[in-house]
């Protein structure tokens, strides 16, 4: 019986690798670790921007400082004209010979009522804006809500630090002001529209004879007033945005933006009303 020995073949695996194989593997592993770290740093650098929306209190208009400023401004608006001396331009020589000048009675009740109405109107506008801000947070995207609720003067300061060209800086400040001022203008338009609707119903109910009240004429008058409110508020928004851009370019970013926005807000409705009255004979 023949017994054959098993055949064994030997293979030197280490002979197939080059001498610097281990060093290359170590270098490759170090490169992989560096790439992973770079990816992590890039991920942190280009992370998704977080939009933090800070809502002001719903009844912020009734806080001490804002309410005091609103009260003082409203009373000065209606009581300062009473301090102007009443002068009669067409005076005769005989008037100087009068021993007892005529005393003019100053009515203080009417300006007081107007001041109280103005206070109620301004606080209602601010409260309506706070409600609109909360609706914007709920129904629009977080990015758009952040733009609508952005602090515009601080944003103008940040933009001024980027070294932008003048035209680009003007455009971006105006665009930011347009977004940040939008909810305030919409709130003012809603409050004014509500007041006009209330006055329209009051005229109908307080009329002695209901037959004399023409429903069609009242509806046309109400539509005309609502159209005028829309045009004035739109002009206020546009001119405020343009004025904010001009003010931020000419003056300091924060102060200039605030002054330009306030000036455009006041001048816009007046300019549009005068232009429409002269061009189309339309009285807003």
C-alpha atoms as a PDB file:
ATOM      1  CA  UNK A   1       0.000   0.000   0.000  1.00  0.00           C
ATOM      2  CA  UNK A   2       1.487   3.256  -1.162  1.00  0.00           C
ATOM      3  CA  UNK A   3       1.177   6.293   1.069  1.00  0.00           C
ATOM      4  CA  UNK A   4       1.851   9.664  -0.547  1.00  0.00           C
ATOM      5  CA  UNK A   5       3.017  12.626   1.496  1.00  0.00           C
ATOM      6  CA  UNK A   6       0.769  15.722   1.335  1.00  0.00           C
ATOM      7  CA  UNK A   7       2.074  18.517  -0.786  1.00  0.00           C
ATOM      8  CA  UNK A   8       2.585  21.798   0.988  1.00  0.00           C
ATOM      9  CA  UNK A   9       3.198  25.059  -0.845  1.00  0.00           C
ATOM     10  CA  UNK A  10       4.660  28.070   0.929  1.00  0.00           C
ATOM     11  CA  UNK A  11       3.807  31.652   0.014  1.00  0.00           C
ATOM     12  CA  UNK A  12       5.635  34.682   1.329  1.00  0.00           C
ATOM     13  CA  UNK A  13       2.862  37.305   1.421  1.00  0.00           C
ATOM     14  CA  UNK A  14       5.096  39.999   2.816  1.00  0.00           C
ATOM     15  CA  UNK A  15       7.226  39.862  -0.270  1.00  0.00           C
ATOM     16  CA  UNK A  16       4.359  41.226  -2.402  1.00  0.00           C
ATOM     17  CA  UNK A  17       4.053  44.463  -0.390  1.00  0.00           C
ATOM     18  CA  UNK A  18       6.440  47.324  -0.896  1.00  0.00           C
ATOM     19  CA  UNK A  19       8.670  48.502   1.880  1.00  0.00           C
ATOM     20  CA  UNK A  20       6.702  51.740   2.532  1.00  0.00           C
ATOM     21  CA  UNK A  21       3.330  49.990   2.630  1.00  0.00           C
ATOM     22  CA  UNK A  22       2.800  50.459   6.374  1.00  0.00           C
ATOM     23  CA  UNK A  23       3.799  54.126   6.247  1.00  0.00           C
ATOM     24  CA  UNK A  24       1.400  54.690   3.322  1.00  0.00           C
ATOM     25  CA  UNK A  25      -1.436  53.099   5.271  1.00  0.00           C
ATOM     26  CA  UNK A  26      -0.704  55.290   8.260  1.00  0.00           C
ATOM     27  CA  UNK A  27      -0.563  58.395   6.062  1.00  0.00           C
ATOM     28  CA  UNK A  28      -3.848  57.440   4.400  1.00  0.00           C
ATOM     29  CA  UNK A  29      -5.567  56.975   7.750  1.00  0.00           C
ATOM     30  CA  UNK A  30      -4.276  60.356   8.922  1.00  0.00           C
ATOM     31  CA  UNK A  31      -5.639  61.981   5.741  1.00  0.00           C
ATOM     32  CA  UNK A  32      -9.043  60.363   6.336  1.00  0.00           C
ATOM     33  CA  UNK A  33      -9.118  61.714   9.894  1.00  0.00           C
ATOM     34  CA  UNK A  34      -8.192  65.206   8.665  1.00  0.00           C
ATOM     35  CA  UNK A  35     -10.905  65.123   5.988  1.00  0.00           C
ATOM     36  CA  UNK A  36     -13.496  64.087   8.545  1.00  0.00           C
ATOM     37  CA  UNK A  37     -12.483  66.988  10.792  1.00  0.00           C
ATOM     38  CA  UNK A  38     -12.643  69.415   7.874  1.00  0.00           C
ATOM     39  CA  UNK A  39     -16.109  68.176   6.975  1.00  0.00           C
ATOM     40  CA  UNK A  40     -17.251  68.732  10.544  1.00  0.00           C
ATOM     41  CA  UNK A  41     -15.831  72.250  10.564  1.00  0.00           C
ATOM     42  CA  UNK A  42     -17.476  73.046   7.232  1.00  0.00           C
ATOM     43  CA  UNK A  43     -20.766  71.686   8.500  1.00  0.00           C
ATOM     44  CA  UNK A  44     -20.556  73.958  11.530  1.00  0.00           C
ATOM     45  CA  UNK A  45     -19.515  76.905   9.374  1.00  0.00           C
ATOM     46  CA  UNK A  46     -22.301  76.465   6.813  1.00  0.00           C
ATOM     47  CA  UNK A  47     -24.981  75.307   9.218  1.00  0.00           C
ATOM     48  CA  UNK A  48     -28.593  76.196   8.584  1.00  0.00           C
ATOM     49  CA  UNK A  49     -29.356  79.711   9.804  1.00  0.00           C
ATOM     50  CA  UNK A  50     -31.666  79.870  12.780  1.00  0.00           C
ATOM     51  CA  UNK A  51     -34.389  82.503  12.716  1.00  0.00           C
ATOM     52  CA  UNK A  52     -35.214  83.534  16.258  1.00  0.00           C
ATOM     53  CA  UNK A  53     -38.543  85.339  16.379  1.00  0.00           C
ATOM     54  CA  UNK A  54     -39.076  87.477  19.465  1.00  0.00           C
ATOM     55  CA  UNK A  55     -42.674  88.498  20.017  1.00  0.00           C
ATOM     56  CA  UNK A  56     -43.476  91.581  22.039  1.00  0.00           C
ATOM     57  CA  UNK A  57     -46.255  91.400  24.654  1.00  0.00           C
ATOM     58  CA  UNK A  58     -49.777  91.530  23.277  1.00  0.00           C
ATOM     59  CA  UNK A  59     -50.693  94.548  25.388  1.00  0.00           C
ATOM     60  CA  UNK A  60     -47.395  96.373  24.990  1.00  0.00           C
ATOM     61  CA  UNK A  61     -49.244  99.555  24.052  1.00  0.00           C
ATOM     62  CA  UNK A  62     -50.572  99.775  27.615  1.00  0.00           C
ATOM     63  CA  UNK A  63     -47.181  99.577  29.282  1.00  0.00           C
ATOM     64  CA  UNK A  64     -46.142 102.623  31.263  1.00  0.00           C
ATOM     65  CA  UNK A  65     -43.634 104.224  28.921  1.00  0.00           C
ATOM     66  CA  UNK A  66     -45.419 103.682  25.556  1.00  0.00           C
ATOM     67  CA  UNK A  67     -48.795 104.645  26.987  1.00  0.00           C
ATOM     68  CA  UNK A  68     -47.343 107.794  28.593  1.00  0.00           C
ATOM     69  CA  UNK A  69     -45.709 108.837  25.318  1.00  0.00           C
ATOM     70  CA  UNK A  70     -48.947 108.229  23.415  1.00  0.00           C
ATOM     71  CA  UNK A  71     -50.924 110.256  25.950  1.00  0.00           C
ATOM     72  CA  UNK A  72     -48.530 113.217  25.914  1.00  0.00           C
ATOM     73  CA  UNK A  73     -48.329 113.234  22.113  1.00  0.00           C
ATOM     74  CA  UNK A  74     -52.112 113.100  21.730  1.00  0.00           C
ATOM     75  CA  UNK A  75     -52.785 115.943  24.172  1.00  0.00           C
ATOM     76  CA  UNK A  76     -50.080 118.116  22.635  1.00  0.00           C
ATOM     77  CA  UNK A  77     -51.532 117.494  19.183  1.00  0.00           C
ATOM     78  CA  UNK A  78     -54.903 119.036  20.090  1.00  0.00           C
ATOM     79  CA  UNK A  79     -54.022 121.490  22.870  1.00  0.00           C
ATOM     80  CA  UNK A  80     -50.995 123.214  21.342  1.00  0.00           C
ATOM     81  CA  UNK A  81     -53.086 125.011  18.679  1.00  0.00           C
ATOM     82  CA  UNK A  82     -55.114 126.587  21.495  1.00  0.00           C
ATOM     83  CA  UNK A  83     -52.008 128.332  22.826  1.00  0.00           C
ATOM     84  CA  UNK A  84     -51.532 130.330  19.635  1.00  0.00           C
ATOM     85  CA  UNK A  85     -52.650 133.951  20.074  1.00  0.00           C
ATOM     86  CA  UNK A  86     -55.740 134.879  18.126  1.00  0.00           C
ATOM     87  CA  UNK A  87     -54.828 137.824  15.872  1.00  0.00           C
ATOM     88  CA  UNK A  88     -57.224 139.770  13.713  1.00  0.00           C
ATOM     89  CA  UNK A  89     -55.492 140.946  10.560  1.00  0.00           C
ATOM     90  CA  UNK A  90     -58.200 143.340   9.461  1.00  0.00           C
ATOM     91  CA  UNK A  91     -58.171 145.756  12.355  1.00  0.00           C
ATOM     92  CA  UNK A  92     -59.353 149.328  12.175  1.00  0.00           C
ATOM     93  CA  UNK A  93     -58.117 152.265  14.150  1.00  0.00           C
ATOM     94  CA  UNK A  94     -61.297 152.260  16.136  1.00  0.00           C
ATOM     95  CA  UNK A  95     -60.438 148.869  17.573  1.00  0.00           C
ATOM     96  CA  UNK A  96     -57.462 150.309  19.362  1.00  0.00           C
ATOM     97  CA  UNK A  97     -59.693 152.842  21.118  1.00  0.00           C
ATOM     98  CA  UNK A  98     -61.840 150.175  22.696  1.00  0.00           C
ATOM     99  CA  UNK A  99     -61.432 150.048  26.438  1.00  0.00           C
ATOM    100  CA  UNK A 100     -62.618 146.496  26.956  1.00  0.00           C
ATOM    101  CA  UNK A 101     -61.385 143.952  24.426  1.00  0.00           C
ATOM    102  CA  UNK A 102     -63.631 141.101  23.518  1.00  0.00           C
ATOM    103  CA  UNK A 103     -63.003 137.963  25.487  1.00  0.00           C
ATOM    104  CA  UNK A 104     -62.874 134.786  23.463  1.00  0.00           C
ATOM    105  CA  UNK A 105     -64.107 131.658  25.139  1.00  0.00           C
ATOM    106  CA  UNK A 106     -61.799 128.671  24.661  1.00  0.00           C
ATOM    107  CA  UNK A 107     -63.515 125.317  24.653  1.00  0.00           C
ATOM    108  CA  UNK A 108     -61.327 122.730  26.385  1.00  0.00           C
ATOM    109  CA  UNK A 109     -63.792 119.872  26.240  1.00  0.00           C
ATOM    110  CA  UNK A 110     -63.612 119.253  22.503  1.00  0.00           C
ATOM    111  CA  UNK A 111     -59.774 118.920  22.402  1.00  0.00           C
ATOM    112  CA  UNK A 112     -59.964 116.613  25.403  1.00  0.00           C
ATOM    113  CA  UNK A 113     -62.429 114.327  23.629  1.00  0.00           C
ATOM    114  CA  UNK A 114     -60.278 114.339  20.493  1.00  0.00           C
ATOM    115  CA  UNK A 115     -57.195 113.516  22.543  1.00  0.00           C
ATOM    116  CA  UNK A 116     -58.916 110.561  24.207  1.00  0.00           C
ATOM    117  CA  UNK A 117     -60.073 109.280  20.823  1.00  0.00           C
ATOM    118  CA  UNK A 118     -56.533 109.597  19.462  1.00  0.00           C
ATOM    119  CA  UNK A 119     -55.149 107.634  22.422  1.00  0.00           C
ATOM    120  CA  UNK A 120     -57.695 104.870  21.869  1.00  0.00           C
ATOM    121  CA  UNK A 121     -56.904 104.802  18.160  1.00  0.00           C
ATOM    122  CA  UNK A 122     -53.128 104.538  18.606  1.00  0.00           C
ATOM    123  CA  UNK A 123     -53.327 101.856  21.282  1.00  0.00           C
ATOM    124  CA  UNK A 124     -55.756  99.907  19.098  1.00  0.00           C
ATOM    125  CA  UNK A 125     -53.357 100.105  16.142  1.00  0.00           C
ATOM    126  CA  UNK A 126     -50.436  98.815  18.230  1.00  0.00           C
ATOM    127  CA  UNK A 127     -52.531  95.991  19.705  1.00  0.00           C
ATOM    128  CA  UNK A 128     -53.763  95.038  16.237  1.00  0.00           C
ATOM    129  CA  UNK A 129     -50.178  94.884  15.058  1.00  0.00           C
ATOM    130  CA  UNK A 130     -49.283  92.526  17.897  1.00  0.00           C
ATOM    131  CA  UNK A 131     -52.162  90.274  16.848  1.00  0.00           C
ATOM    132  CA  UNK A 132     -50.952  90.342  13.230  1.00  0.00           C
ATOM    133  CA  UNK A 133     -47.446  89.431  14.384  1.00  0.00           C
ATOM    134  CA  UNK A 134     -48.766  86.345  16.121  1.00  0.00           C
ATOM    135  CA  UNK A 135     -50.787  85.383  13.066  1.00  0.00           C
ATOM    136  CA  UNK A 136     -47.676  85.794  10.916  1.00  0.00           C
ATOM    137  CA  UNK A 137     -45.703  83.461  13.178  1.00  0.00           C
ATOM    138  CA  UNK A 138     -48.452  80.846  12.895  1.00  0.00           C
ATOM    139  CA  UNK A 139     -49.371  81.016   9.210  1.00  0.00           C
ATOM    140  CA  UNK A 140     -46.169  82.029   7.386  1.00  0.00           C
ATOM    141  CA  UNK A 141     -42.732  80.469   7.352  1.00  0.00           C
ATOM    142  CA  UNK A 142     -40.316  81.127  10.175  1.00  0.00           C
ATOM    143  CA  UNK A 143     -37.948  82.935   7.809  1.00  0.00           C
ATOM    144  CA  UNK A 144     -40.646  85.312   6.566  1.00  0.00           C
ATOM    145  CA  UNK A 145     -41.949  85.903  10.093  1.00  0.00           C
ATOM    146  CA  UNK A 146     -38.411  86.774  11.179  1.00  0.00           C
ATOM    147  CA  UNK A 147     -38.175  89.326   8.367  1.00  0.00           C
ATOM    148  CA  UNK A 148     -41.539  90.876   9.232  1.00  0.00           C
ATOM    149  CA  UNK A 149     -40.628  91.181  12.930  1.00  0.00           C
ATOM    150  CA  UNK A 150     -37.015  92.227  12.432  1.00  0.00           C
ATOM    151  CA  UNK A 151     -35.591  95.227  14.286  1.00  0.00           C
ATOM    152  CA  UNK A 152     -34.978  97.446  11.267  1.00  0.00           C
ATOM    153  CA  UNK A 153     -32.561 100.028  12.819  1.00  0.00           C
ATOM    154  CA  UNK A 154     -30.296  97.241  14.116  1.00  0.00           C
ATOM    155  CA  UNK A 155     -30.462  95.546  10.727  1.00  0.00           C
ATOM    156  CA  UNK A 156     -29.377  98.813   9.061  1.00  0.00           C
ATOM    157  CA  UNK A 157     -26.355  98.945  11.387  1.00  0.00           C
ATOM    158  CA  UNK A 158     -25.391  95.366  10.520  1.00  0.00           C
ATOM    159  CA  UNK A 159     -25.692  96.080   6.799  1.00  0.00           C
ATOM    160  CA  UNK A 160     -23.508  99.172   7.118  1.00  0.00           C
ATOM    161  CA  UNK A 161     -20.693  97.024   8.541  1.00  0.00           C
ATOM    162  CA  UNK A 162     -20.508  94.796   5.460  1.00  0.00           C
ATOM    163  CA  UNK A 163     -18.931  97.406   3.193  1.00  0.00           C
ATOM    164  CA  UNK A 164     -21.710  97.319   0.601  1.00  0.00           C
ATOM    165  CA  UNK A 165     -21.887  99.838  -2.247  1.00  0.00           C
ATOM    166  CA  UNK A 166     -24.153 102.820  -1.645  1.00  0.00           C
ATOM    167  CA  UNK A 167     -26.853 101.770  -4.095  1.00  0.00           C
ATOM    168  CA  UNK A 168     -26.937  98.195  -2.783  1.00  0.00           C
ATOM    169  CA  UNK A 169     -27.017  99.423   0.814  1.00  0.00           C
ATOM    170  CA  UNK A 170     -29.864 101.841   0.004  1.00  0.00           C
ATOM    171  CA  UNK A 171     -31.872  99.098  -1.698  1.00  0.00           C
ATOM    172  CA  UNK A 172     -31.418  96.582   1.108  1.00  0.00           C
ATOM    173  CA  UNK A 173     -32.299  99.044   3.867  1.00  0.00           C
ATOM    174  CA  UNK A 174     -35.404 100.132   1.940  1.00  0.00           C
ATOM    175  CA  UNK A 175     -36.425  96.504   1.384  1.00  0.00           C
ATOM    176  CA  UNK A 176     -35.915  95.630   5.049  1.00  0.00           C
ATOM    177  CA  UNK A 177     -37.895  98.708   6.128  1.00  0.00           C
ATOM    178  CA  UNK A 178     -40.710  97.770   3.759  1.00  0.00           C
ATOM    179  CA  UNK A 179     -40.998  94.345   5.366  1.00  0.00           C
ATOM    180  CA  UNK A 180     -40.615  95.566   8.933  1.00  0.00           C
ATOM    181  CA  UNK A 181     -43.102  98.423   8.469  1.00  0.00           C
ATOM    182  CA  UNK A 182     -45.694  96.332   6.635  1.00  0.00           C
ATOM    183  CA  UNK A 183     -47.595  94.946   9.623  1.00  0.00           C
ATOM    184  CA  UNK A 184     -47.856  98.386  11.235  1.00  0.00           C
ATOM    185  CA  UNK A 185     -49.337  99.907   8.091  1.00  0.00           C
ATOM    186  CA  UNK A 186     -51.769  97.015   7.679  1.00  0.00           C
ATOM    187  CA  UNK A 187     -52.858  97.412  11.310  1.00  0.00           C
ATOM    188  CA  UNK A 188     -53.448 101.153  10.817  1.00  0.00           C
ATOM    189  CA  UNK A 189     -55.456 100.477   7.649  1.00  0.00           C
ATOM    190  CA  UNK A 190     -57.622  97.880   9.406  1.00  0.00           C
ATOM    191  CA  UNK A 191     -58.343 100.206  12.336  1.00  0.00           C
ATOM    192  CA  UNK A 192     -59.216 103.149  10.080  1.00  0.00           C
ATOM    193  CA  UNK A 193     -61.433 100.950   7.936  1.00  0.00           C
ATOM    194  CA  UNK A 194     -63.230  99.692  11.033  1.00  0.00           C
ATOM    195  CA  UNK A 195     -63.794 103.275  12.196  1.00  0.00           C
ATOM    196  CA  UNK A 196     -65.287 104.282   8.839  1.00  0.00           C
ATOM    197  CA  UNK A 197     -67.597 101.259   8.829  1.00  0.00           C
ATOM    198  CA  UNK A 198     -68.706 102.110  12.369  1.00  0.00           C
ATOM    199  CA  UNK A 199     -69.413 105.717  11.355  1.00  0.00           C
ATOM    200  CA  UNK A 200     -71.403 104.557   8.344  1.00  0.00           C
ATOM    201  CA  UNK A 201     -73.665 102.392  10.504  1.00  0.00           C
ATOM    202  CA  UNK A 202     -73.996 105.176  13.064  1.00  0.00           C
ATOM    203  CA  UNK A 203     -75.217 107.583  10.378  1.00  0.00           C
ATOM    204  CA  UNK A 204     -77.832 105.079   9.333  1.00  0.00           C
ATOM    205  CA  UNK A 205     -79.105 104.325  12.830  1.00  0.00           C
ATOM    206  CA  UNK A 206     -79.046 107.929  14.054  1.00  0.00           C
ATOM    207  CA  UNK A 207     -80.966 109.313  11.113  1.00  0.00           C
ATOM    208  CA  UNK A 208     -84.451 110.498  12.018  1.00  0.00           C
ATOM    209  CA  UNK A 209     -86.036 109.263   8.834  1.00  0.00           C
ATOM    210  CA  UNK A 210     -84.675 106.064   7.398  1.00  0.00           C
ATOM    211  CA  UNK A 211     -86.135 106.857   3.980  1.00  0.00           C
ATOM    212  CA  UNK A 212     -83.800 109.796   3.610  1.00  0.00           C
ATOM    213  CA  UNK A 213     -80.754 107.596   3.883  1.00  0.00           C
ATOM    214  CA  UNK A 214     -79.761 106.377   0.467  1.00  0.00           C
ATOM    215  CA  UNK A 215     -78.083 103.014   0.838  1.00  0.00           C
ATOM    216  CA  UNK A 216     -76.347 103.279  -2.529  1.00  0.00           C
ATOM    217  CA  UNK A 217     -74.828 106.654  -1.770  1.00  0.00           C
ATOM    218  CA  UNK A 218     -73.677 105.521   1.656  1.00  0.00           C
ATOM    219  CA  UNK A 219     -72.066 102.435   0.134  1.00  0.00           C
ATOM    220  CA  UNK A 220     -70.295 104.527  -2.513  1.00  0.00           C
ATOM    221  CA  UNK A 221     -69.097 106.956   0.128  1.00  0.00           C
ATOM    222  CA  UNK A 222     -67.808 104.096   2.287  1.00  0.00           C
ATOM    223  CA  UNK A 223     -66.031 102.522  -0.688  1.00  0.00           C
ATOM    224  CA  UNK A 224     -64.445 105.856  -1.563  1.00  0.00           C
ATOM    225  CA  UNK A 225     -63.163 106.304   1.991  1.00  0.00           C
ATOM    226  CA  UNK A 226     -61.792 102.757   2.147  1.00  0.00           C
ATOM    227  CA  UNK A 227     -60.037 103.327  -1.193  1.00  0.00           C
ATOM    228  CA  UNK A 228     -58.555 106.537   0.154  1.00  0.00           C
ATOM    229  CA  UNK A 229     -57.342 104.719   3.267  1.00  0.00           C
ATOM    230  CA  UNK A 230     -55.712 102.040   1.116  1.00  0.00           C
ATOM    231  CA  UNK A 231     -53.976 104.596  -1.095  1.00  0.00           C
ATOM    232  CA  UNK A 232     -52.728 106.651   1.846  1.00  0.00           C
ATOM    233  CA  UNK A 233     -51.432 103.603   3.709  1.00  0.00           C
ATOM    234  CA  UNK A 234     -49.708 102.298   0.577  1.00  0.00           C
ATOM    235  CA  UNK A 235     -48.077 105.684   0.035  1.00  0.00           C
ATOM    236  CA  UNK A 236     -47.017 105.741   3.669  1.00  0.00           C
ATOM    237  CA  UNK A 237     -45.352 102.334   3.327  1.00  0.00           C
ATOM    238  CA  UNK A 238     -43.539 103.170   0.084  1.00  0.00           C
ATOM    239  CA  UNK A 239     -42.326 106.617   1.128  1.00  0.00           C
ATOM    240  CA  UNK A 240     -41.269 105.318   4.552  1.00  0.00           C
ATOM    241  CA  UNK A 241     -39.123 102.646   2.892  1.00  0.00           C
ATOM    242  CA  UNK A 242     -37.520 105.145   0.512  1.00  0.00           C
ATOM    243  CA  UNK A 243     -36.981 107.678   3.287  1.00  0.00           C
ATOM    244  CA  UNK A 244     -35.377 105.041   5.498  1.00  0.00           C
ATOM    245  CA  UNK A 245     -32.896 104.161   2.761  1.00  0.00           C
ATOM    246  CA  UNK A 246     -32.022 107.816   2.162  1.00  0.00           C
ATOM    247  CA  UNK A 247     -31.666 108.536   5.871  1.00  0.00           C
ATOM    248  CA  UNK A 248     -29.442 105.503   6.430  1.00  0.00           C
ATOM    249  CA  UNK A 249     -27.152 106.600   3.581  1.00  0.00           C
ATOM    250  CA  UNK A 250     -26.921 110.275   4.541  1.00  0.00           C
ATOM    251  CA  UNK A 251     -26.799 109.951   8.327  1.00  0.00           C
ATOM    252  CA  UNK A 252     -25.929 107.300  10.871  1.00  0.00           C
ATOM    253  CA  UNK A 253     -27.537 103.945   9.977  1.00  0.00           C
ATOM    254  CA  UNK A 254     -29.827 103.502  12.975  1.00  0.00           C
ATOM    255  CA  UNK A 255     -30.816 107.135  13.577  1.00  0.00           C
ATOM    256  CA  UNK A 256     -30.974 107.948   9.872  1.00  0.00           C
ATOM    257  CA  UNK A 257     -33.177 104.942   9.163  1.00  0.00           C
ATOM    258  CA  UNK A 258     -35.579 105.903  11.965  1.00  0.00           C
ATOM    259  CA  UNK A 259     -35.773 109.574  10.935  1.00  0.00           C
ATOM    260  CA  UNK A 260     -36.214 108.762   7.253  1.00  0.00           C
ATOM    261  CA  UNK A 261     -38.904 106.188   8.000  1.00  0.00           C
ATOM    262  CA  UNK A 262     -40.851 108.620  10.204  1.00  0.00           C
ATOM    263  CA  UNK A 263     -40.535 111.467   7.683  1.00  0.00           C
ATOM    264  CA  UNK A 264     -41.650 109.281   4.782  1.00  0.00           C
ATOM    265  CA  UNK A 265     -44.527 107.890   6.831  1.00  0.00           C
ATOM    266  CA  UNK A 266     -45.852 111.402   7.426  1.00  0.00           C
ATOM    267  CA  UNK A 267     -45.066 112.921   4.037  1.00  0.00           C
ATOM    268  CA  UNK A 268     -46.213 110.044   1.822  1.00  0.00           C
ATOM    269  CA  UNK A 269     -50.001 110.383   2.278  1.00  0.00           C
ATOM    270  CA  UNK A 270     -49.804 114.188   1.985  1.00  0.00           C
ATOM    271  CA  UNK A 271     -47.800 114.068  -1.260  1.00  0.00           C
ATOM    272  CA  UNK A 272     -50.076 111.464  -2.835  1.00  0.00           C
ATOM    273  CA  UNK A 273     -53.227 113.343  -1.785  1.00  0.00           C
ATOM    274  CA  UNK A 274     -51.957 116.617  -3.266  1.00  0.00           C
ATOM    275  CA  UNK A 275     -50.867 114.942  -6.507  1.00  0.00           C
ATOM    276  CA  UNK A 276     -54.183 113.131  -6.972  1.00  0.00           C
ATOM    277  CA  UNK A 277     -56.148 116.272  -6.189  1.00  0.00           C
ATOM    278  CA  UNK A 278     -54.244 118.352  -8.745  1.00  0.00           C
ATOM    279  CA  UNK A 279     -53.997 115.709 -11.454  1.00  0.00           C
ATOM    280  CA  UNK A 280     -57.358 113.908 -11.209  1.00  0.00           C
ATOM    281  CA  UNK A 281     -59.316 116.251  -8.921  1.00  0.00           C
ATOM    282  CA  UNK A 282     -59.753 113.420  -6.448  1.00  0.00           C
ATOM    283  CA  UNK A 283     -60.075 114.381  -2.817  1.00  0.00           C
ATOM    284  CA  UNK A 284     -58.862 111.646  -0.488  1.00  0.00           C
END
